[in-house]
C-alpha atoms as a PDB file:
ATOM      1  CA  MET A   1     -12.470  18.049 -14.136  1.00  0.00           C
ATOM      2  CA  THR A   2     -10.121  21.012 -14.457  1.00  0.00           C
ATOM      3  CA  SER A   3     -13.008  23.453 -14.766  1.00  0.00           C
ATOM      4  CA  GLU A   4     -14.145  22.394 -11.291  1.00  0.00           C
ATOM      5  CA  LEU A   5     -10.828  23.318  -9.679  1.00  0.00           C
ATOM      6  CA  HIS A   6     -10.404  26.536  -7.809  1.00  0.00           C
ATOM      7  CA  PRO A   7      -8.281  28.925  -9.922  1.00  0.00           C
ATOM      8  CA  ASP A   8      -5.520  28.823  -7.316  1.00  0.00           C
ATOM      9  CA  ASN A   9      -5.247  25.056  -7.788  1.00  0.00           C
ATOM     10  CA  GLN A  10      -4.816  24.920 -11.569  1.00  0.00           C
ATOM     11  CA  ASN A  11      -1.171  23.955 -11.110  1.00  0.00           C
ATOM     12  CA  GLN A  12      -2.238  20.815  -9.254  1.00  0.00           C
ATOM     13  CA  ILE A  13      -3.550  18.946 -12.296  1.00  0.00           C
ATOM     14  CA  ASP A  14      -0.729  16.412 -11.881  1.00  0.00           C
ATOM     15  CA  ASP A  15      -1.890  15.795  -8.313  1.00  0.00           C
ATOM     16  CA  ILE A  16      -5.406  15.036  -9.583  1.00  0.00           C
ATOM     17  CA  ALA A  17      -3.951  12.615 -12.118  1.00  0.00           C
ATOM     18  CA  GLN A  18      -2.091  10.837  -9.323  1.00  0.00           C
ATOM     19  CA  VAL A  19      -5.257  10.679  -7.192  1.00  0.00           C
ATOM     20  CA  ASN A  20      -7.015   9.059 -10.134  1.00  0.00           C
ATOM     21  CA  VAL A  21      -4.278   6.422 -10.302  1.00  0.00           C
ATOM     22  CA  TRP A  22      -4.438   5.752  -6.562  1.00  0.00           C
ATOM     23  CA  PHE A  23      -8.215   5.354  -6.474  1.00  0.00           C
ATOM     24  CA  THR A  24      -8.611   3.163  -9.541  1.00  0.00           C
ATOM     25  CA  TYR A  25      -8.704  -0.622  -9.360  1.00  0.00           C
ATOM     26  CA  HIS A  26      -5.650  -2.157 -10.977  1.00  0.00           C
ATOM     27  CA  ALA A  27      -6.172  -5.807 -11.856  1.00  0.00           C
ATOM     28  CA  PRO A  28      -2.923  -7.692 -11.359  1.00  0.00           C
ATOM     29  CA  HIS A  29      -0.890  -8.644 -14.386  1.00  0.00           C
ATOM     30  CA  ALA A  30       0.482 -12.169 -14.469  1.00  0.00           C
ATOM     31  CA  SER A  31       4.007 -10.807 -13.947  1.00  0.00           C
ATOM     32  CA  GLN A  32       2.939  -9.021 -10.744  1.00  0.00           C
ATOM     33  CA  ILE A  33       1.395 -11.997  -8.972  1.00  0.00           C
ATOM     34  CA  PRO A  34       4.747 -13.494  -7.875  1.00  0.00           C
ATOM     35  CA  LEU A  35       5.742 -10.102  -6.454  1.00  0.00           C
ATOM     36  CA  TYR A  36       2.555  -9.864  -4.391  1.00  0.00           C
ATOM     37  CA  THR A  37       3.033 -13.447  -3.227  1.00  0.00           C
ATOM     38  CA  LYS A  38       6.668 -12.864  -2.195  1.00  0.00           C
ATOM     39  CA  ILE A  39       5.802  -9.733  -0.229  1.00  0.00           C
ATOM     40  CA  ARG A  40       2.860 -11.405   1.503  1.00  0.00           C
ATOM     41  CA  ASP A  41       4.779 -14.604   2.313  1.00  0.00           C
ATOM     42  CA  ASP A  42       7.805 -12.749   3.686  1.00  0.00           C
ATOM     43  CA  ALA A  43       5.588 -10.434   5.737  1.00  0.00           C
ATOM     44  CA  LYS A  44       3.742 -13.456   7.102  1.00  0.00           C
ATOM     45  CA  LEU A  45       7.032 -14.971   8.291  1.00  0.00           C
ATOM     46  CA  LEU A  46       8.001 -11.718   9.986  1.00  0.00           C
ATOM     47  CA  ALA A  47       4.545 -11.430  11.565  1.00  0.00           C
ATOM     48  CA  GLN A  48       4.891 -14.958  12.939  1.00  0.00           C
ATOM     49  CA  THR A  49       8.317 -14.085  14.347  1.00  0.00           C
ATOM     50  CA  ILE A  50       6.894 -10.977  15.992  1.00  0.00           C
ATOM     51  CA  VAL A  51       3.987 -12.913  17.524  1.00  0.00           C
ATOM     52  CA  LEU A  52       6.293 -15.639  18.834  1.00  0.00           C
ATOM     53  CA  SER A  53       8.947 -13.222  20.106  1.00  0.00           C
ATOM     54  CA  CYS A  54       6.977 -10.353  21.628  1.00  0.00           C
ATOM     55  CA  PRO A  55       4.522 -10.400  24.509  1.00  0.00           C
ATOM     56  CA  ARG A  56       0.942  -9.458  23.787  1.00  0.00           C
ATOM     57  CA  GLY A  57       0.399  -5.752  24.080  1.00  0.00           C
ATOM     58  CA  VAL A  58       0.064  -2.497  22.258  1.00  0.00           C
ATOM     59  CA  GLU A  59       3.630  -2.644  20.956  1.00  0.00           C
ATOM     60  CA  ARG A  60       3.123  -6.051  19.342  1.00  0.00           C
ATOM     61  CA  ASP A  61      -0.208  -4.906  17.932  1.00  0.00           C
ATOM     62  CA  ALA A  62       1.468  -1.784  16.541  1.00  0.00           C
ATOM     63  CA  ALA A  63       4.241  -3.873  14.981  1.00  0.00           C
ATOM     64  CA  ILE A  64       1.736  -6.174  13.270  1.00  0.00           C
ATOM     65  CA  ASN A  65      -0.400  -3.255  12.103  1.00  0.00           C
ATOM     66  CA  SER A  66       2.676  -1.497  10.745  1.00  0.00           C
ATOM     67  CA  LEU A  67       3.677  -4.639   8.899  1.00  0.00           C
ATOM     68  CA  ARG A  68       0.184  -4.906   7.410  1.00  0.00           C
ATOM     69  CA  MET A  69       0.450  -1.297   6.276  1.00  0.00           C
ATOM     70  CA  ALA A  70       3.861  -1.956   4.754  1.00  0.00           C
ATOM     71  CA  VAL A  71       2.426  -4.847   2.740  1.00  0.00           C
ATOM     72  CA  MET A  72      -0.492  -2.685   1.630  1.00  0.00           C
ATOM     73  CA  PHE A  73       1.772   0.141   0.469  1.00  0.00           C
ATOM     74  CA  ALA A  74       4.198  -2.255  -1.223  1.00  0.00           C
ATOM     75  CA  ASN A  75       1.293  -3.851  -3.094  1.00  0.00           C
ATOM     76  CA  ALA A  76      -0.032  -0.438  -4.049  1.00  0.00           C
ATOM     77  CA  GLY A  77       3.397   0.472  -5.356  1.00  0.00           C
ATOM     78  CA  ILE A  78       3.384  -2.585  -7.583  1.00  0.00           C
ATOM     79  CA  ALA A  79      -0.184  -1.998  -8.742  1.00  0.00           C
ATOM     80  CA  CYS A  80       0.289   1.694  -9.526  1.00  0.00           C
ATOM     81  CA  GLN A  81       3.574   1.450 -11.406  1.00  0.00           C
END
């Protein structure tokens, strides 16, 4: 892979290694499953609170989408550790 890099980018080998980690499937280990479950369950409670507390609209949609992204990034953080 390094031979395909532009000469100016040779110092970015660590970045390529990180990209490889991010774009590789990481099957969950048994010890990680409770962490994923806790994050998802707590986010679900917050999402329900948001839906019940906020009127329909772009702000509520943005809040729910942001929460979904937070769960995704938290899960990725667990998977890629």
